[in-house]
Amino acid sequence: MRRVSPGIVLSAAVAAGAYGLEAAERILTGRAWLEALVLAIVMGTALRSLWTPGKRWDDGISFSSKYMLEIAVVLLGASVSGATLLAAGPALLFGIAGVVACALLLGFAIGRLLGLPTRMALLVACGNAICGNSAIAAVAPVIGADSDDVAASIAFTAVLGVAVVLGLPLLGLALGMSGQAFGAFAGLTVYAVPQVIAAAAPLGPVAVQTGTLVKLVRVLMLGPVCLVLSLIAPRLTRQSACARPGIGHLVPWFILGFIALVLCRTLGLIPEAALPALNRAATLLTVVSMAALGLGVDLRTVAGAGARVTAAVVLSLAGLGAVSLCLLRALHLA
């Protein structure tokens, strides 16, 4: 604890500053345009650009960026239950899984064609296909991505996420989509659950309810995707693989924990009253881990990847939107 405490305290202080800025946004503008998760990595990166932490801080920063994030991923499992899956219906459920798979392959291919490194291309693809920042943060330890890759992916994905929330309702109105159709479209394309609600709200409560349901099912894809990546990442990224790896090498412990909490929620072993606290804990740990990731970022690396990452994110999101519209038309929702 003596070794990791300084870095943990520093990461927590940056996270507290991010929450403070988010609160200031709400007071001044009525809403948080940039959430604490994004602000934390921006503030951590800004602090690192002015001051390089010494060895005293390194262990705690590494602990915060890795283990706190993995615990947060486990806690996310409590947000999805089997009832959510049943409510979506089999056609939409398989359709969402198909959209995520197509978006992953398309996003990865676009990233590689634009010359992004394999890990960066995987991060961008997963962020677009599943749930933005949370997916990037969850996939990073599975594929061995470094803090520079994570910071660049989150930074550009976050900016584009805000643009999507603002522009998607205009597209829905222009296409004459119903509340149910637009809610499904928002749930398939927007990154975070709060952003889905914000984007769907202009088209009414049905759009909000449908969008939230679809988005939660899409978030559930995070577990299987991480499991598959844990099996194929050593080949894709040329990591050294152990002979006859055990289950701990094939499936990261936090993915097993994520699945276990999904099962517990489905079986009713998690009290409903505990869910808000679990969600808040997952968010808090994620924000602290993002602050720690920011403290380990080299701005020169992020800047060097800027144009290519931006193009990859934009083109991948456009592809996701096209695939989502095809699904909605196949289901006669649009």
C-alpha atoms as a PDB file:
ATOM      1  CA  MET A   1       0.000   0.000   0.000  1.00  0.00           C
ATOM      2  CA  ARG A   2       2.878   2.381   0.707  1.00  0.00           C
ATOM      3  CA  ARG A   3       4.165   1.738  -2.788  1.00  0.00           C
ATOM      4  CA  VAL A   4       0.884   2.323  -4.655  1.00  0.00           C
ATOM      5  CA  SER A   5      -0.785   4.928  -2.437  1.00  0.00           C
ATOM      6  CA  PRO A   6       0.834   8.058  -3.940  1.00  0.00           C
ATOM      7  CA  GLY A   7      -0.200   7.169  -7.494  1.00  0.00           C
ATOM      8  CA  ILE A   8      -3.721   6.177  -6.422  1.00  0.00           C
ATOM      9  CA  VAL A   9      -4.158   9.464  -4.538  1.00  0.00           C
ATOM     10  CA  LEU A  10      -2.891  11.423  -7.545  1.00  0.00           C
ATOM     11  CA  SER A  11      -5.253   9.589  -9.918  1.00  0.00           C
ATOM     12  CA  ALA A  12      -8.167  10.106  -7.520  1.00  0.00           C
ATOM     13  CA  ALA A  13      -7.370  13.817  -7.268  1.00  0.00           C
ATOM     14  CA  VAL A  14      -7.462  14.187 -11.057  1.00  0.00           C
ATOM     15  CA  ALA A  15     -10.757  12.250 -11.119  1.00  0.00           C
ATOM     16  CA  ALA A  16     -12.186  14.571  -8.462  1.00  0.00           C
ATOM     17  CA  GLY A  17     -11.216  17.539 -10.608  1.00  0.00           C
ATOM     18  CA  ALA A  18     -13.007  15.931 -13.568  1.00  0.00           C
ATOM     19  CA  TYR A  19     -16.177  15.503 -11.528  1.00  0.00           C
ATOM     20  CA  GLY A  20     -15.892  19.131 -10.468  1.00  0.00           C
ATOM     21  CA  LEU A  21     -15.678  20.308 -14.074  1.00  0.00           C
ATOM     22  CA  GLU A  22     -18.656  18.134 -15.009  1.00  0.00           C
ATOM     23  CA  ALA A  23     -20.680  19.700 -12.212  1.00  0.00           C
ATOM     24  CA  ALA A  24     -19.638  23.172 -13.398  1.00  0.00           C
ATOM     25  CA  GLU A  25     -20.838  22.302 -16.922  1.00  0.00           C
ATOM     26  CA  ARG A  26     -24.246  21.331 -15.565  1.00  0.00           C
ATOM     27  CA  ILE A  27     -24.534  24.544 -13.582  1.00  0.00           C
ATOM     28  CA  LEU A  28     -23.444  26.812 -16.433  1.00  0.00           C
ATOM     29  CA  THR A  29     -25.105  25.106 -19.424  1.00  0.00           C
ATOM     30  CA  GLY A  30     -27.746  22.824 -17.910  1.00  0.00           C
ATOM     31  CA  ARG A  31     -26.057  19.624 -19.103  1.00  0.00           C
ATOM     32  CA  ALA A  32     -22.652  17.917 -19.184  1.00  0.00           C
ATOM     33  CA  TRP A  33     -21.387  18.083 -22.764  1.00  0.00           C
ATOM     34  CA  LEU A  34     -18.210  16.270 -21.729  1.00  0.00           C
ATOM     35  CA  GLU A  35     -18.604  13.634 -19.016  1.00  0.00           C
ATOM     36  CA  ALA A  36     -16.182  13.128 -16.143  1.00  0.00           C
ATOM     37  CA  LEU A  37     -14.754  10.031 -17.845  1.00  0.00           C
ATOM     38  CA  VAL A  38     -13.549  12.097 -20.801  1.00  0.00           C
ATOM     39  CA  LEU A  39     -12.509  15.076 -18.672  1.00  0.00           C
ATOM     40  CA  ALA A  40     -10.431  12.794 -16.448  1.00  0.00           C
ATOM     41  CA  ILE A  41      -8.245  11.541 -19.270  1.00  0.00           C
ATOM     42  CA  VAL A  42      -7.943  15.075 -20.701  1.00  0.00           C
ATOM     43  CA  MET A  43      -6.918  16.491 -17.317  1.00  0.00           C
ATOM     44  CA  GLY A  44      -4.506  13.635 -16.673  1.00  0.00           C
ATOM     45  CA  THR A  45      -2.924  14.147 -20.078  1.00  0.00           C
ATOM     46  CA  ALA A  46      -2.680  17.912 -19.510  1.00  0.00           C
ATOM     47  CA  LEU A  47      -1.005  17.379 -16.142  1.00  0.00           C
ATOM     48  CA  ARG A  48       1.434  14.890 -17.679  1.00  0.00           C
ATOM     49  CA  SER A  49       2.338  17.422 -20.390  1.00  0.00           C
ATOM     50  CA  LEU A  50       3.337  19.922 -17.676  1.00  0.00           C
ATOM     51  CA  TRP A  51       4.943  17.487 -15.243  1.00  0.00           C
ATOM     52  CA  THR A  52       6.270  13.947 -15.605  1.00  0.00           C
ATOM     53  CA  PRO A  53       5.530  11.849 -12.474  1.00  0.00           C
ATOM     54  CA  GLY A  54       8.614  10.172 -11.018  1.00  0.00           C
ATOM     55  CA  LYS A  55       9.077   6.604  -9.854  1.00  0.00           C
ATOM     56  CA  ARG A  56       7.279   7.352  -6.608  1.00  0.00           C
ATOM     57  CA  TRP A  57       4.008   7.651  -8.518  1.00  0.00           C
ATOM     58  CA  ASP A  58       4.425   4.950 -11.158  1.00  0.00           C
ATOM     59  CA  ASP A  59       3.180   1.891  -9.239  1.00  0.00           C
ATOM     60  CA  GLY A  60      -0.021   3.582  -8.076  1.00  0.00           C
ATOM     61  CA  ILE A  61      -0.763   5.015 -11.508  1.00  0.00           C
ATOM     62  CA  SER A  62      -0.283   1.580 -13.090  1.00  0.00           C
ATOM     63  CA  PHE A  63      -2.485  -0.007 -10.416  1.00  0.00           C
ATOM     64  CA  SER A  64      -5.244   2.543 -10.990  1.00  0.00           C
ATOM     65  CA  SER A  65      -5.168   2.265 -14.777  1.00  0.00           C
ATOM     66  CA  LYS A  66      -5.272  -1.559 -14.758  1.00  0.00           C
ATOM     67  CA  TYR A  67      -6.938  -3.102 -11.718  1.00  0.00           C
ATOM     68  CA  MET A  68      -9.514  -0.400 -11.019  1.00  0.00           C
ATOM     69  CA  LEU A  69     -10.579  -0.587 -14.634  1.00  0.00           C
ATOM     70  CA  GLU A  70     -10.901  -4.365 -14.526  1.00  0.00           C
ATOM     71  CA  ILE A  71     -13.036  -4.177 -11.369  1.00  0.00           C
ATOM     72  CA  ALA A  72     -15.237  -1.579 -13.090  1.00  0.00           C
ATOM     73  CA  VAL A  73     -15.784  -3.949 -16.028  1.00  0.00           C
ATOM     74  CA  VAL A  74     -16.920  -6.656 -13.601  1.00  0.00           C
ATOM     75  CA  LEU A  75     -19.424  -4.290 -11.987  1.00  0.00           C
ATOM     76  CA  LEU A  76     -20.860  -3.387 -15.406  1.00  0.00           C
ATOM     77  CA  GLY A  77     -22.255  -6.924 -15.575  1.00  0.00           C
ATOM     78  CA  ALA A  78     -24.853  -5.995 -12.976  1.00  0.00           C
ATOM     79  CA  SER A  79     -26.463  -3.566 -15.439  1.00  0.00           C
ATOM     80  CA  VAL A  80     -27.669  -6.314 -17.811  1.00  0.00           C
ATOM     81  CA  SER A  81     -30.056  -9.167 -17.077  1.00  0.00           C
ATOM     82  CA  GLY A  82     -31.617 -12.047 -18.946  1.00  0.00           C
ATOM     83  CA  ALA A  83     -34.962 -10.232 -18.780  1.00  0.00           C
ATOM     84  CA  THR A  84     -33.457  -7.459 -20.895  1.00  0.00           C
ATOM     85  CA  LEU A  85     -32.497  -9.984 -23.540  1.00  0.00           C
ATOM     86  CA  LEU A  86     -35.955 -11.605 -23.567  1.00  0.00           C
ATOM     87  CA  ALA A  87     -37.646  -8.221 -23.858  1.00  0.00           C
ATOM     88  CA  ALA A  88     -35.686  -7.441 -26.999  1.00  0.00           C
ATOM     89  CA  GLY A  89     -37.049 -10.475 -28.842  1.00  0.00           C
ATOM     90  CA  PRO A  90     -34.962 -13.065 -30.700  1.00  0.00           C
ATOM     91  CA  ALA A  91     -34.940 -11.290 -34.081  1.00  0.00           C
ATOM     92  CA  LEU A  92     -33.711  -7.986 -32.670  1.00  0.00           C
ATOM     93  CA  LEU A  93     -31.302  -9.768 -30.319  1.00  0.00           C
ATOM     94  CA  PHE A  94     -29.586 -11.676 -33.123  1.00  0.00           C
ATOM     95  CA  GLY A  95     -29.754  -8.561 -35.272  1.00  0.00           C
ATOM     96  CA  ILE A  96     -27.902  -6.504 -32.647  1.00  0.00           C
ATOM     97  CA  ALA A  97     -25.238  -9.203 -32.369  1.00  0.00           C
ATOM     98  CA  GLY A  98     -24.904  -9.213 -36.155  1.00  0.00           C
ATOM     99  CA  VAL A  99     -24.589  -5.414 -36.279  1.00  0.00           C
ATOM    100  CA  VAL A 100     -21.871  -5.479 -33.618  1.00  0.00           C
ATOM    101  CA  ALA A 101     -19.961  -8.217 -35.480  1.00  0.00           C
ATOM    102  CA  CYS A 102     -20.201  -6.401 -38.827  1.00  0.00           C
ATOM    103  CA  ALA A 103     -19.217  -3.084 -37.264  1.00  0.00           C
ATOM    104  CA  LEU A 104     -16.213  -4.685 -35.576  1.00  0.00           C
ATOM    105  CA  LEU A 105     -14.920  -6.244 -38.777  1.00  0.00           C
ATOM    106  CA  LEU A 106     -15.612  -3.124 -40.830  1.00  0.00           C
ATOM    107  CA  GLY A 107     -14.046  -0.788 -38.279  1.00  0.00           C
ATOM    108  CA  PHE A 108     -10.945  -2.939 -37.937  1.00  0.00           C
ATOM    109  CA  ALA A 109     -10.547  -3.163 -41.707  1.00  0.00           C
ATOM    110  CA  ILE A 110     -10.908   0.614 -42.089  1.00  0.00           C
ATOM    111  CA  GLY A 111      -8.356   1.242 -39.362  1.00  0.00           C
ATOM    112  CA  ARG A 112      -5.812  -1.074 -40.899  1.00  0.00           C
ATOM    113  CA  LEU A 113      -6.378   0.351 -44.394  1.00  0.00           C
ATOM    114  CA  LEU A 114      -5.687   3.818 -42.972  1.00  0.00           C
ATOM    115  CA  GLY A 115      -2.422   2.554 -41.529  1.00  0.00           C
ATOM    116  CA  LEU A 116      -3.384   2.370 -37.851  1.00  0.00           C
ATOM    117  CA  PRO A 117      -1.468  -0.141 -35.699  1.00  0.00           C
ATOM    118  CA  THR A 118      -3.376  -3.336 -34.975  1.00  0.00           C
ATOM    119  CA  ARG A 119      -4.134  -2.478 -31.348  1.00  0.00           C
ATOM    120  CA  MET A 120      -5.332   1.022 -32.205  1.00  0.00           C
ATOM    121  CA  ALA A 121      -7.543  -0.331 -35.003  1.00  0.00           C
ATOM    122  CA  LEU A 122      -9.076  -2.842 -32.571  1.00  0.00           C
ATOM    123  CA  LEU A 123      -9.746  -0.133 -29.976  1.00  0.00           C
ATOM    124  CA  VAL A 124     -11.452   2.153 -32.499  1.00  0.00           C
ATOM    125  CA  ALA A 125     -13.499  -0.728 -33.903  1.00  0.00           C
ATOM    126  CA  CYS A 126     -14.661  -1.896 -30.475  1.00  0.00           C
ATOM    127  CA  GLY A 127     -15.434   1.635 -29.321  1.00  0.00           C
ATOM    128  CA  ASN A 128     -17.667   2.274 -32.332  1.00  0.00           C
ATOM    129  CA  ALA A 129     -19.308  -1.145 -32.385  1.00  0.00           C
ATOM    130  CA  ILE A 130     -20.190  -1.539 -28.691  1.00  0.00           C
ATOM    131  CA  CYS A 131     -20.171   1.347 -26.235  1.00  0.00           C
ATOM    132  CA  GLY A 132     -17.496   3.917 -26.935  1.00  0.00           C
ATOM    133  CA  ASN A 133     -15.181   4.789 -24.074  1.00  0.00           C
ATOM    134  CA  SER A 134     -16.259   1.902 -21.842  1.00  0.00           C
ATOM    135  CA  ALA A 135     -15.573  -0.659 -24.579  1.00  0.00           C
ATOM    136  CA  ILE A 136     -12.187   0.886 -25.345  1.00  0.00           C
ATOM    137  CA  ALA A 137     -11.297   0.806 -21.657  1.00  0.00           C
ATOM    138  CA  ALA A 138     -12.446  -2.811 -21.279  1.00  0.00           C
ATOM    139  CA  VAL A 139     -10.731  -4.119 -24.420  1.00  0.00           C
ATOM    140  CA  ALA A 140      -7.410  -2.346 -23.782  1.00  0.00           C
ATOM    141  CA  PRO A 141      -6.068  -4.796 -21.154  1.00  0.00           C
ATOM    142  CA  VAL A 142      -7.259  -7.783 -23.202  1.00  0.00           C
ATOM    143  CA  ILE A 143      -5.179  -6.817 -26.256  1.00  0.00           C
ATOM    144  CA  GLY A 144      -2.289  -5.250 -24.338  1.00  0.00           C
ATOM    145  CA  ALA A 145      -2.893  -1.703 -25.611  1.00  0.00           C
ATOM    146  CA  ASP A 146      -0.769   1.045 -24.063  1.00  0.00           C
ATOM    147  CA  SER A 147      -1.999   4.304 -22.561  1.00  0.00           C
ATOM    148  CA  ASP A 148      -1.215   6.345 -25.675  1.00  0.00           C
ATOM    149  CA  ASP A 149      -3.451   4.150 -27.847  1.00  0.00           C
ATOM    150  CA  VAL A 150      -6.264   4.260 -25.278  1.00  0.00           C
ATOM    151  CA  ALA A 151      -6.025   8.029 -24.842  1.00  0.00           C
ATOM    152  CA  ALA A 152      -6.069   8.728 -28.580  1.00  0.00           C
ATOM    153  CA  SER A 153      -9.022   6.384 -29.165  1.00  0.00           C
ATOM    154  CA  ILE A 154     -11.069   7.801 -26.305  1.00  0.00           C
ATOM    155  CA  ALA A 155     -10.291  11.414 -27.157  1.00  0.00           C
ATOM    156  CA  PHE A 156     -11.509  11.211 -30.749  1.00  0.00           C
ATOM    157  CA  THR A 157     -14.399   8.881 -29.956  1.00  0.00           C
ATOM    158  CA  ALA A 158     -15.598  11.225 -27.204  1.00  0.00           C
ATOM    159  CA  VAL A 159     -15.622  14.286 -29.463  1.00  0.00           C
ATOM    160  CA  LEU A 160     -17.477  12.427 -32.210  1.00  0.00           C
ATOM    161  CA  GLY A 161     -19.912  11.015 -29.636  1.00  0.00           C
ATOM    162  CA  VAL A 162     -21.042  14.525 -28.710  1.00  0.00           C
ATOM    163  CA  ALA A 163     -21.527  15.378 -32.393  1.00  0.00           C
ATOM    164  CA  VAL A 164     -23.621  12.233 -32.917  1.00  0.00           C
ATOM    165  CA  VAL A 165     -25.917  13.071 -29.991  1.00  0.00           C
ATOM    166  CA  LEU A 166     -26.559  16.516 -31.456  1.00  0.00           C
ATOM    167  CA  GLY A 167     -26.940  15.475 -35.098  1.00  0.00           C
ATOM    168  CA  LEU A 168     -28.736  12.117 -34.912  1.00  0.00           C
ATOM    169  CA  PRO A 169     -32.213  13.519 -34.030  1.00  0.00           C
ATOM    170  CA  LEU A 170     -32.028  15.749 -37.125  1.00  0.00           C
ATOM    171  CA  LEU A 171     -31.296  12.689 -39.263  1.00  0.00           C
ATOM    172  CA  GLY A 172     -34.169  10.771 -37.677  1.00  0.00           C
ATOM    173  CA  LEU A 173     -36.600  13.601 -38.372  1.00  0.00           C
ATOM    174  CA  ALA A 174     -35.315  13.981 -41.937  1.00  0.00           C
ATOM    175  CA  LEU A 175     -35.896  10.259 -42.561  1.00  0.00           C
ATOM    176  CA  GLY A 176     -39.374  10.408 -40.995  1.00  0.00           C
ATOM    177  CA  MET A 177     -38.581   7.652 -38.504  1.00  0.00           C
ATOM    178  CA  SER A 178     -41.089   6.597 -35.868  1.00  0.00           C
ATOM    179  CA  GLY A 179     -40.222   6.775 -32.186  1.00  0.00           C
ATOM    180  CA  GLN A 180     -39.576   3.039 -32.005  1.00  0.00           C
ATOM    181  CA  ALA A 181     -37.457   3.004 -35.142  1.00  0.00           C
ATOM    182  CA  PHE A 182     -35.386   5.994 -34.115  1.00  0.00           C
ATOM    183  CA  GLY A 183     -34.930   4.631 -30.582  1.00  0.00           C
ATOM    184  CA  ALA A 184     -33.559   1.387 -32.029  1.00  0.00           C
ATOM    185  CA  PHE A 185     -31.343   3.364 -34.411  1.00  0.00           C
ATOM    186  CA  ALA A 186     -29.973   5.484 -31.550  1.00  0.00           C
ATOM    187  CA  GLY A 187     -29.386   2.405 -29.410  1.00  0.00           C
ATOM    188  CA  LEU A 188     -27.416   0.788 -32.226  1.00  0.00           C
ATOM    189  CA  THR A 189     -25.210   3.775 -33.034  1.00  0.00           C
ATOM    190  CA  VAL A 190     -24.779   6.073 -30.011  1.00  0.00           C
ATOM    191  CA  TYR A 191     -21.949   5.237 -27.624  1.00  0.00           C
ATOM    192  CA  ALA A 192     -23.128   5.578 -23.993  1.00  0.00           C
ATOM    193  CA  VAL A 193     -26.513   4.933 -22.362  1.00  0.00           C
ATOM    194  CA  PRO A 194     -26.909   8.569 -21.171  1.00  0.00           C
ATOM    195  CA  GLN A 195     -26.070   9.741 -24.693  1.00  0.00           C
ATOM    196  CA  VAL A 196     -28.710   7.385 -26.136  1.00  0.00           C
ATOM    197  CA  ILE A 197     -31.311   8.912 -23.830  1.00  0.00           C
ATOM    198  CA  ALA A 198     -30.249  12.432 -24.798  1.00  0.00           C
ATOM    199  CA  ALA A 199     -30.321  11.633 -28.523  1.00  0.00           C
ATOM    200  CA  ALA A 200     -33.669   9.798 -28.403  1.00  0.00           C
ATOM    201  CA  ALA A 201     -35.507  12.290 -26.181  1.00  0.00           C
ATOM    202  CA  PRO A 202     -36.511  14.697 -29.017  1.00  0.00           C
ATOM    203  CA  LEU A 203     -38.573  11.902 -30.625  1.00  0.00           C
ATOM    204  CA  GLY A 204     -40.511  11.013 -27.483  1.00  0.00           C
ATOM    205  CA  PRO A 205     -40.664   8.487 -24.612  1.00  0.00           C
ATOM    206  CA  VAL A 206     -41.072   5.448 -26.899  1.00  0.00           C
ATOM    207  CA  ALA A 207     -37.789   6.335 -28.581  1.00  0.00           C
ATOM    208  CA  VAL A 208     -36.082   6.663 -25.189  1.00  0.00           C
ATOM    209  CA  GLN A 209     -37.391   3.309 -23.917  1.00  0.00           C
ATOM    210  CA  THR A 210     -36.527   1.457 -27.128  1.00  0.00           C
ATOM    211  CA  GLY A 211     -33.108   3.078 -27.384  1.00  0.00           C
ATOM    212  CA  THR A 212     -32.211   2.209 -23.806  1.00  0.00           C
ATOM    213  CA  LEU A 213     -33.260  -1.419 -24.259  1.00  0.00           C
ATOM    214  CA  VAL A 214     -31.304  -1.841 -27.496  1.00  0.00           C
ATOM    215  CA  LYS A 215     -28.287  -0.113 -26.007  1.00  0.00           C
ATOM    216  CA  LEU A 216     -28.220  -2.402 -22.951  1.00  0.00           C
ATOM    217  CA  VAL A 217     -28.324  -5.466 -25.201  1.00  0.00           C
ATOM    218  CA  ARG A 218     -25.501  -3.966 -27.253  1.00  0.00           C
ATOM    219  CA  VAL A 219     -23.461  -3.414 -24.075  1.00  0.00           C
ATOM    220  CA  LEU A 220     -23.868  -7.105 -23.274  1.00  0.00           C
ATOM    221  CA  MET A 221     -21.857  -7.883 -26.402  1.00  0.00           C
ATOM    222  CA  LEU A 222     -18.808  -6.527 -24.553  1.00  0.00           C
ATOM    223  CA  GLY A 223     -18.309  -9.812 -22.696  1.00  0.00           C
ATOM    224  CA  PRO A 224     -18.305 -12.127 -25.727  1.00  0.00           C
ATOM    225  CA  VAL A 225     -16.164  -9.681 -27.733  1.00  0.00           C
ATOM    226  CA  CYS A 226     -13.540  -9.510 -24.996  1.00  0.00           C
ATOM    227  CA  LEU A 227     -13.596 -13.302 -24.738  1.00  0.00           C
ATOM    228  CA  VAL A 228     -13.010 -13.723 -28.474  1.00  0.00           C
ATOM    229  CA  LEU A 229     -10.291 -11.066 -28.492  1.00  0.00           C
ATOM    230  CA  SER A 230      -8.521 -12.764 -25.607  1.00  0.00           C
ATOM    231  CA  LEU A 231      -8.267 -15.867 -27.812  1.00  0.00           C
ATOM    232  CA  ILE A 232      -7.159 -14.197 -31.047  1.00  0.00           C
ATOM    233  CA  ALA A 233      -5.288 -11.114 -29.798  1.00  0.00           C
ATOM    234  CA  PRO A 234      -1.915 -12.887 -29.445  1.00  0.00           C
ATOM    235  CA  ARG A 235      -1.974 -13.688 -33.162  1.00  0.00           C
ATOM    236  CA  LEU A 236      -3.314 -10.315 -34.273  1.00  0.00           C
ATOM    237  CA  THR A 237      -0.902  -8.274 -32.168  1.00  0.00           C
ATOM    238  CA  ARG A 238       1.984 -10.760 -32.274  1.00  0.00           C
ATOM    239  CA  GLN A 239       2.080 -11.143 -28.506  1.00  0.00           C
ATOM    240  CA  SER A 240       3.928 -14.092 -27.105  1.00  0.00           C
ATOM    241  CA  ALA A 241       1.546 -16.905 -26.256  1.00  0.00           C
ATOM    242  CA  CYS A 242       2.041 -19.493 -23.522  1.00  0.00           C
ATOM    243  CA  ALA A 243       1.972 -23.174 -24.353  1.00  0.00           C
ATOM    244  CA  ARG A 244      -1.205 -24.871 -23.169  1.00  0.00           C
ATOM    245  CA  PRO A 245      -2.591 -21.755 -21.517  1.00  0.00           C
ATOM    246  CA  GLY A 246      -5.003 -22.162 -18.647  1.00  0.00           C
ATOM    247  CA  ILE A 247      -8.417 -20.587 -18.366  1.00  0.00           C
ATOM    248  CA  GLY A 248      -6.857 -17.538 -16.701  1.00  0.00           C
ATOM    249  CA  HIS A 249      -4.830 -16.856 -19.847  1.00  0.00           C
ATOM    250  CA  LEU A 250      -7.639 -17.584 -22.290  1.00  0.00           C
ATOM    251  CA  VAL A 251     -10.349 -15.662 -20.439  1.00  0.00           C
ATOM    252  CA  PRO A 252      -9.351 -12.600 -18.378  1.00  0.00           C
ATOM    253  CA  TRP A 253     -10.631 -12.819 -14.815  1.00  0.00           C
ATOM    254  CA  PHE A 254     -12.673  -9.650 -15.155  1.00  0.00           C
ATOM    255  CA  ILE A 255     -14.616 -11.059 -18.127  1.00  0.00           C
ATOM    256  CA  LEU A 256     -15.508 -14.104 -16.022  1.00  0.00           C
ATOM    257  CA  GLY A 257     -16.587 -11.690 -13.295  1.00  0.00           C
ATOM    258  CA  PHE A 258     -18.665  -9.695 -15.792  1.00  0.00           C
ATOM    259  CA  ILE A 259     -20.483 -12.853 -16.934  1.00  0.00           C
ATOM    260  CA  ALA A 260     -20.964 -13.979 -13.329  1.00  0.00           C
ATOM    261  CA  LEU A 261     -22.674 -10.704 -12.403  1.00  0.00           C
ATOM    262  CA  VAL A 262     -24.916 -10.925 -15.483  1.00  0.00           C
ATOM    263  CA  LEU A 263     -26.005 -14.380 -14.274  1.00  0.00           C
ATOM    264  CA  CYS A 264     -26.488 -13.115 -10.717  1.00  0.00           C
ATOM    265  CA  ARG A 265     -28.648 -10.255 -11.979  1.00  0.00           C
ATOM    266  CA  THR A 266     -30.670 -12.668 -14.123  1.00  0.00           C
ATOM    267  CA  LEU A 267     -31.245 -15.029 -11.176  1.00  0.00           C
ATOM    268  CA  GLY A 268     -32.302 -12.175  -8.913  1.00  0.00           C
ATOM    269  CA  LEU A 269     -29.339 -12.555  -6.579  1.00  0.00           C
ATOM    270  CA  ILE A 270     -28.539  -8.838  -6.781  1.00  0.00           C
ATOM    271  CA  PRO A 271     -31.136  -6.654  -4.992  1.00  0.00           C
ATOM    272  CA  GLU A 272     -32.613  -3.919  -7.162  1.00  0.00           C
ATOM    273  CA  ALA A 273     -31.743  -1.401  -4.467  1.00  0.00           C
ATOM    274  CA  ALA A 274     -28.041  -2.245  -4.891  1.00  0.00           C
ATOM    275  CA  LEU A 275     -27.925  -1.581  -8.642  1.00  0.00           C
ATOM    276  CA  PRO A 276     -27.569   2.226  -8.510  1.00  0.00           C
ATOM    277  CA  ALA A 277     -24.681   1.903  -6.061  1.00  0.00           C
ATOM    278  CA  LEU A 278     -22.965  -0.700  -8.249  1.00  0.00           C
ATOM    279  CA  ASN A 279     -23.345   1.516 -11.316  1.00  0.00           C
ATOM    280  CA  ARG A 280     -21.934   4.514  -9.441  1.00  0.00           C
ATOM    281  CA  ALA A 281     -19.009   2.417  -8.200  1.00  0.00           C
ATOM    282  CA  ALA A 282     -18.265   1.187 -11.731  1.00  0.00           C
ATOM    283  CA  THR A 283     -18.378   4.744 -13.063  1.00  0.00           C
ATOM    284  CA  LEU A 284     -16.143   6.071 -10.276  1.00  0.00           C
ATOM    285  CA  LEU A 285     -13.518   3.362 -10.775  1.00  0.00           C
ATOM    286  CA  THR A 286     -13.579   3.940 -14.532  1.00  0.00           C
ATOM    287  CA  VAL A 287     -13.061   7.686 -14.109  1.00  0.00           C
ATOM    288  CA  VAL A 288     -10.117   7.130 -11.745  1.00  0.00           C
ATOM    289  CA  SER A 289      -8.583   4.636 -14.178  1.00  0.00           C
ATOM    290  CA  MET A 290      -9.018   7.108 -17.055  1.00  0.00           C
ATOM    291  CA  ALA A 291      -7.241   9.766 -14.998  1.00  0.00           C
ATOM    292  CA  ALA A 292      -4.388   7.306 -14.457  1.00  0.00           C
ATOM    293  CA  LEU A 293      -4.268   6.491 -18.159  1.00  0.00           C
ATOM    294  CA  GLY A 294      -4.040  10.201 -18.914  1.00  0.00           C
ATOM    295  CA  LEU A 295      -1.125  10.543 -16.510  1.00  0.00           C
ATOM    296  CA  GLY A 296       0.747   7.981 -18.609  1.00  0.00           C
ATOM    297  CA  VAL A 297       0.053   9.558 -22.006  1.00  0.00           C
ATOM    298  CA  ASP A 298       2.668  11.022 -24.317  1.00  0.00           C
ATOM    299  CA  LEU A 299       0.926  13.844 -26.198  1.00  0.00           C
ATOM    300  CA  ARG A 300       3.308  13.543 -29.132  1.00  0.00           C
ATOM    301  CA  THR A 301       2.074  10.020 -29.813  1.00  0.00           C
ATOM    302  CA  VAL A 302      -1.567  11.092 -29.622  1.00  0.00           C
ATOM    303  CA  ALA A 303      -0.985  14.043 -31.949  1.00  0.00           C
ATOM    304  CA  GLY A 304       0.825  11.833 -34.433  1.00  0.00           C
ATOM    305  CA  ALA A 305      -2.174   9.527 -34.695  1.00  0.00           C
ATOM    306  CA  GLY A 306      -4.725  12.357 -34.887  1.00  0.00           C
ATOM    307  CA  ALA A 307      -5.755  12.546 -38.558  1.00  0.00           C
ATOM    308  CA  ARG A 308      -5.753   8.797 -39.119  1.00  0.00           C
ATOM    309  CA  VAL A 309      -7.664   8.031 -35.919  1.00  0.00           C
ATOM    310  CA  THR A 310     -10.237  10.724 -36.702  1.00  0.00           C
ATOM    311  CA  ALA A 311     -10.780   9.323 -40.200  1.00  0.00           C
ATOM    312  CA  ALA A 312     -11.047   5.777 -38.855  1.00  0.00           C
ATOM    313  CA  VAL A 313     -13.609   6.770 -36.210  1.00  0.00           C
ATOM    314  CA  VAL A 314     -15.741   8.789 -38.645  1.00  0.00           C
ATOM    315  CA  LEU A 315     -15.745   6.145 -41.384  1.00  0.00           C
ATOM    316  CA  SER A 316     -16.369   3.310 -38.901  1.00  0.00           C
ATOM    317  CA  LEU A 317     -19.315   5.175 -37.397  1.00  0.00           C
ATOM    318  CA  ALA A 318     -20.750   5.835 -40.852  1.00  0.00           C
ATOM    319  CA  GLY A 319     -20.475   2.123 -41.602  1.00  0.00           C
ATOM    320  CA  LEU A 320     -22.188   1.280 -38.301  1.00  0.00           C
ATOM    321  CA  GLY A 321     -25.049   3.624 -39.165  1.00  0.00           C
ATOM    322  CA  ALA A 322     -25.502   2.035 -42.590  1.00  0.00           C
ATOM    323  CA  VAL A 323     -25.514  -1.499 -41.162  1.00  0.00           C
ATOM    324  CA  SER A 324     -27.981  -0.437 -38.460  1.00  0.00           C
ATOM    325  CA  LEU A 325     -30.394   1.037 -41.010  1.00  0.00           C
ATOM    326  CA  CYS A 326     -30.213  -2.199 -42.999  1.00  0.00           C
ATOM    327  CA  LEU A 327     -31.182  -4.161 -39.878  1.00  0.00           C
ATOM    328  CA  LEU A 328     -34.093  -1.852 -39.119  1.00  0.00           C
ATOM    329  CA  ARG A 329     -35.378  -2.211 -42.678  1.00  0.00           C
ATOM    330  CA  ALA A 330     -35.063  -6.004 -42.464  1.00  0.00           C
ATOM    331  CA  LEU A 331     -37.121  -5.936 -39.247  1.00  0.00           C
ATOM    332  CA  HIS A 332     -39.646  -3.551 -40.878  1.00  0.00           C
ATOM    333  CA  LEU A 333     -38.926  -0.853 -38.316  1.00  0.00           C
ATOM    334  CA  ALA A 334     -37.680   1.703 -40.830  1.00  0.00           C
END
